[in-house]
Amino acid sequence: MDNKYCVSLITLESHNHIVGDIERGVKVYEKGGVEFDGREPNFYWARVPHKGKAKTVTLKFSHDGQDLEYFTCDCTLDYREPPLCRHVAAAVFAIQGDVIESVLEIGQSYWFESCVTEKDTARVIGSGDLEVLATPRLITLMEHAAYTLLEADLEEGQTSVGTNINVSHTAASPVATLIEIEAKITSVRGRTVTFDVSASDGGGEIGKGEHTRVIVDEKKFMEKAHRRISAKG
């Protein structure tokens, strides 16, 4: 119906949703019968078939068309935080004219090992006095794990940039310690991907937290960065 929208299954799954209802929404969409009562820019009112009757759905797409900013359905009005139901999912599929798969998956992970060297220490980096793994270096390794996890599945000309990280560094790792770093996808909302990140050594966990990255077009991102600096010159 409108190919400017591209909300993938994994994005719908990343919203608070009724378990199994996204799959049921696919079946409702495939049976057909979703009708629309009106629309405004990025905003739709729909009637979705349900047991011989219809459920009224209201939804609003994000500006880039890759996520939902708002949705309601008759069947979830009693919820304090209404979850995404099969009727909302079916309306999304009907609007964009397809069920859009994603190469990314919730729970998808990547891990690697790294040995602490002198250049990784707080003393050398300047974040402290001791010859142990510096917190800024740990954060860099966690970001690298998340970046690497996404890199293989991006389209040509795309990359990802870190936008937020919140990490606790809970144990010290001296020089020559082998550490293991892991990033695991917990949410995909359009171009925004959230990860659980963690690290451990032979003594156990040394840090954990949450990291967010956004998938961007490399050329457009750099052009925007240069324009921002030029505008201040």
Protein backbone atom coordinates (compact mmCIF):
# COMPACT_ATOMS: atom_id res chain seq x y z
CA MET A 1 0.00 0.00 0.00
CA ASP A 2 2.72 2.49 0.95
CA ASN A 3 6.30 1.45 0.33
CA LYS A 4 7.79 4.41 2.22
CA TYR A 5 7.19 2.39 5.39
CA CYS A 6 9.56 -0.44 6.29
CA VAL A 7 8.85 -1.79 9.77
CA SER A 8 10.48 -5.19 10.14
CA LEU A 9 9.31 -8.14 12.22
CA ILE A 10 12.21 -7.69 14.65
CA THR A 11 11.22 -4.06 15.24
CA LEU A 12 7.67 -5.11 16.08
CA GLU A 13 9.06 -7.82 18.38
CA SER A 14 11.17 -5.20 20.17
CA HIS A 15 8.03 -3.37 21.27
CA ASN A 16 6.11 -4.56 24.30
CA HIS A 17 3.93 -7.16 22.59
CA ILE A 18 1.56 -10.03 23.27
CA VAL A 19 3.53 -13.27 22.88
CA GLY A 20 2.63 -14.98 19.61
CA ASP A 21 0.50 -12.11 18.32
CA ILE A 22 2.97 -10.87 15.73
CA GLU A 23 2.89 -14.29 14.07
CA ARG A 24 -0.91 -14.24 14.35
CA GLY A 25 -0.88 -10.77 12.81
CA VAL A 26 0.87 -12.19 9.75
CA LYS A 27 -1.98 -14.68 9.31
CA VAL A 28 -4.62 -11.95 9.75
CA TYR A 29 -2.87 -9.83 7.13
CA GLU A 30 -2.57 -12.75 4.71
CA LYS A 31 -6.32 -13.44 4.97
CA GLY A 32 -6.97 -9.84 3.93
CA GLY A 33 -9.85 -7.58 4.89
CA VAL A 34 -7.94 -4.79 6.66
CA GLU A 35 -9.72 -1.51 5.88
CA PHE A 36 -8.72 2.10 6.51
CA ASP A 37 -10.98 4.86 7.76
CA GLY A 38 -8.51 7.67 7.25
CA ARG A 39 -4.96 8.84 7.39
CA GLU A 40 -2.78 11.85 8.07
CA PRO A 41 0.99 12.10 7.53
CA ASN A 42 2.40 8.89 9.11
CA PHE A 43 -0.92 8.38 10.98
CA TYR A 44 -3.56 5.73 10.18
CA TRP A 45 -6.94 4.54 11.44
CA ALA A 46 -7.77 0.95 10.47
CA ARG A 47 -10.42 -1.71 11.00
CA VAL A 48 -8.96 -5.20 11.30
CA PRO A 49 -11.09 -8.37 11.00
CA HIS A 50 -11.59 -10.35 14.22
CA LYS A 51 -14.03 -13.27 14.58
CA GLY A 52 -16.59 -11.85 12.18
CA LYS A 53 -16.32 -8.35 13.58
CA ALA A 54 -13.56 -5.75 13.49
CA LYS A 55 -11.09 -4.17 15.87
CA THR A 56 -10.25 -0.48 15.55
CA VAL A 57 -6.55 0.26 15.34
CA THR A 58 -4.77 3.61 15.47
CA LEU A 59 -1.08 3.87 14.71
CA LYS A 60 1.61 6.40 13.90
CA PHE A 61 4.87 5.66 12.10
CA SER A 62 8.17 7.28 12.98
CA HIS A 63 9.47 10.03 10.69
CA ASP A 64 11.78 7.63 8.81
CA GLY A 65 9.00 5.05 8.44
CA GLN A 66 10.99 2.26 10.09
CA ASP A 67 9.29 2.14 13.50
CA LEU A 68 6.05 2.93 15.31
CA GLU A 69 5.79 5.95 17.57
CA TYR A 70 2.28 5.17 18.78
CA PHE A 71 -0.40 2.47 18.50
CA THR A 72 -3.70 1.48 20.09
CA CYS A 73 -6.29 -1.24 19.56
CA ASP A 74 -9.72 -1.97 21.03
CA CYS A 75 -8.41 -5.25 22.44
CA THR A 76 -5.70 -3.65 24.60
CA LEU A 77 -7.44 -0.55 25.95
CA ASP A 78 -7.56 -2.01 29.47
CA TYR A 79 -3.77 -2.36 29.68
CA ARG A 80 -1.82 0.29 31.60
CA GLU A 81 0.88 0.05 28.91
CA PRO A 82 -0.94 -1.33 25.84
CA PRO A 83 1.13 -4.04 24.12
CA LEU A 84 1.39 -4.45 20.38
CA CYS A 85 -1.29 -6.98 19.34
CA ARG A 86 -2.07 -9.02 16.21
CA HIS A 87 -4.43 -6.33 14.91
CA VAL A 88 -1.78 -3.60 15.05
CA ALA A 89 0.72 -5.95 13.39
CA ALA A 90 -1.75 -6.81 10.61
CA ALA A 91 -2.46 -3.12 10.02
CA VAL A 92 1.27 -2.39 9.71
CA PHE A 93 1.72 -5.17 7.16
CA ALA A 94 -1.30 -3.99 5.18
CA ILE A 95 -0.06 -0.39 5.11
CA GLN A 96 3.44 -1.28 3.90
CA GLY A 97 2.14 -4.05 1.66
CA ASP A 98 4.42 -6.79 2.96
CA VAL A 99 5.83 -8.65 5.94
CA ILE A 100 9.43 -7.47 6.17
CA GLU A 101 12.01 -9.87 7.52
CA SER A 102 15.28 -8.77 9.11
CA VAL A 103 18.74 -10.31 8.99
CA LEU A 104 19.18 -9.29 12.64
CA GLU A 105 17.71 -11.37 15.45
CA ILE A 106 16.98 -10.79 19.12
CA GLY A 107 19.61 -12.74 21.07
CA GLN A 108 22.13 -12.69 18.22
CA SER A 109 25.59 -12.32 19.74
CA TYR A 110 29.28 -11.93 19.03
CA TRP A 111 32.24 -12.45 21.34
CA PHE A 112 36.01 -12.26 21.12
CA GLU A 113 39.05 -12.49 23.35
CA SER A 114 41.66 -9.84 24.06
CA CYS A 115 44.77 -9.86 26.22
CA VAL A 116 45.41 -6.86 28.48
CA THR A 117 48.65 -5.11 27.51
CA GLU A 118 50.42 -2.12 29.02
CA LYS A 119 48.82 0.20 26.46
CA ASP A 120 45.39 -0.89 27.76
CA THR A 121 46.09 0.14 31.35
CA ALA A 122 44.65 3.05 33.30
CA ARG A 123 48.16 4.41 33.88
CA VAL A 124 48.97 4.62 30.15
CA ILE A 125 45.55 5.82 29.01
CA GLY A 126 45.46 8.44 31.77
CA SER A 127 42.30 7.37 33.54
CA GLY A 128 44.10 6.23 36.70
CA ASP A 129 47.42 5.24 38.32
CA LEU A 130 47.30 1.44 38.23
CA GLU A 131 48.47 -1.10 35.69
CA VAL A 132 45.08 -2.71 35.20
CA LEU A 133 42.60 -2.65 32.31
CA ALA A 134 41.30 0.92 32.00
CA THR A 135 37.57 1.51 31.99
CA PRO A 136 37.74 3.54 28.73
CA ARG A 137 39.54 0.60 27.11
CA LEU A 138 36.91 -1.85 28.37
CA ILE A 139 34.20 0.35 26.89
CA THR A 140 36.05 0.46 23.57
CA LEU A 141 36.22 -3.34 23.48
CA MET A 142 32.49 -3.60 24.22
CA GLU A 143 31.67 -1.13 21.46
CA HIS A 144 33.90 -3.09 19.09
CA ALA A 145 31.98 -6.30 19.83
CA ALA A 146 28.66 -4.59 19.06
CA TYR A 147 30.03 -2.87 15.95
CA THR A 148 31.44 -6.17 14.64
CA LEU A 149 28.16 -7.99 15.30
CA LEU A 150 26.29 -5.51 13.09
CA GLU A 151 28.95 -5.03 10.43
CA ALA A 152 28.42 -8.31 8.57
CA ASP A 153 24.69 -7.69 8.09
CA LEU A 154 24.75 -4.07 6.91
CA GLU A 155 24.13 -3.01 3.33
CA GLU A 156 26.88 -1.52 1.19
CA GLY A 157 27.54 2.08 2.22
CA GLN A 158 26.14 1.60 5.72
CA THR A 159 27.90 1.56 9.06
CA SER A 160 26.85 1.92 12.69
CA VAL A 161 27.68 4.63 15.21
CA GLY A 162 27.54 4.42 18.97
CA THR A 163 25.04 6.79 20.60
CA ASN A 164 24.91 5.62 24.22
CA ILE A 165 26.68 3.26 26.59
CA ASN A 166 26.13 2.64 30.29
CA VAL A 167 28.67 0.25 31.78
CA SER A 168 29.71 -0.88 35.25
CA HIS A 169 33.38 -1.91 35.58
CA THR A 170 33.34 -4.17 38.62
CA ALA A 171 36.69 -6.00 38.79
CA ALA A 172 40.34 -5.30 37.92
CA SER A 173 42.30 -7.21 35.25
CA PRO A 174 46.11 -6.82 35.39
CA VAL A 175 48.48 -6.91 32.40
CA ALA A 176 48.63 -10.29 30.60
CA THR A 177 45.07 -11.22 31.63
CA LEU A 178 42.95 -12.79 28.88
CA ILE A 179 39.46 -11.27 28.81
CA GLU A 180 36.34 -12.25 26.89
CA ILE A 181 33.97 -9.58 25.60
CA GLU A 182 30.44 -10.21 24.33
CA ALA A 183 27.67 -8.14 22.76
CA LYS A 184 24.11 -9.48 22.43
CA ILE A 185 21.19 -7.84 20.60
CA THR A 186 18.25 -7.13 22.90
CA SER A 187 16.19 -4.73 20.77
CA VAL A 188 15.94 -3.41 17.22
CA ARG A 189 13.80 -0.32 16.68
CA GLY A 190 14.17 0.64 13.03
CA ARG A 191 17.79 1.74 12.67
CA THR A 192 18.43 1.75 16.42
CA VAL A 193 19.93 -1.42 17.89
CA THR A 194 20.40 -2.04 21.62
CA PHE A 195 22.84 -4.56 23.08
CA ASP A 196 23.67 -6.14 26.38
CA VAL A 197 27.47 -5.96 26.65
CA SER A 198 29.61 -7.90 29.11
CA ALA A 199 33.20 -8.88 29.83
CA SER A 200 34.88 -11.51 31.99
CA ASP A 201 38.31 -12.92 32.77
CA GLY A 202 39.58 -16.03 34.57
CA GLY A 203 38.28 -14.62 37.85
CA GLY A 204 34.73 -14.06 36.60
CA GLU A 205 32.72 -11.09 35.38
CA ILE A 206 34.57 -7.77 35.20
CA GLY A 207 31.92 -5.54 33.64
CA LYS A 208 28.51 -5.33 32.03
CA GLY A 209 26.05 -2.80 30.71
CA GLU A 210 23.91 -1.63 27.81
CA HIS A 211 25.00 -0.09 24.52
CA THR A 212 23.02 1.54 21.70
CA ARG A 213 24.09 1.96 18.10
CA VAL A 214 22.33 3.52 15.11
CA ILE A 215 22.71 2.27 11.54
CA VAL A 216 23.58 5.15 9.20
CA ASP A 217 24.56 5.87 5.62
CA GLU A 218 28.30 6.59 5.76
CA LYS A 219 28.34 9.33 3.11
CA LYS A 220 25.26 11.19 4.41
CA PHE A 221 26.48 10.94 8.00
CA MET A 222 29.86 12.48 7.19
CA GLU A 223 28.32 15.19 5.03
CA LYS A 224 26.03 16.14 7.91
CA ALA A 225 28.96 16.16 10.36
CA HIS A 226 30.95 18.52 8.13
CA ARG A 227 27.94 20.81 7.57
CA ARG A 228 27.43 21.08 11.32
CA ILE A 229 31.04 22.19 11.87
CA SER A 230 30.98 24.54 8.88
CA ALA A 231 27.81 26.20 10.13
CA LYS A 232 29.61 27.13 13.37
CA GLY A 233 32.68 28.49 11.53
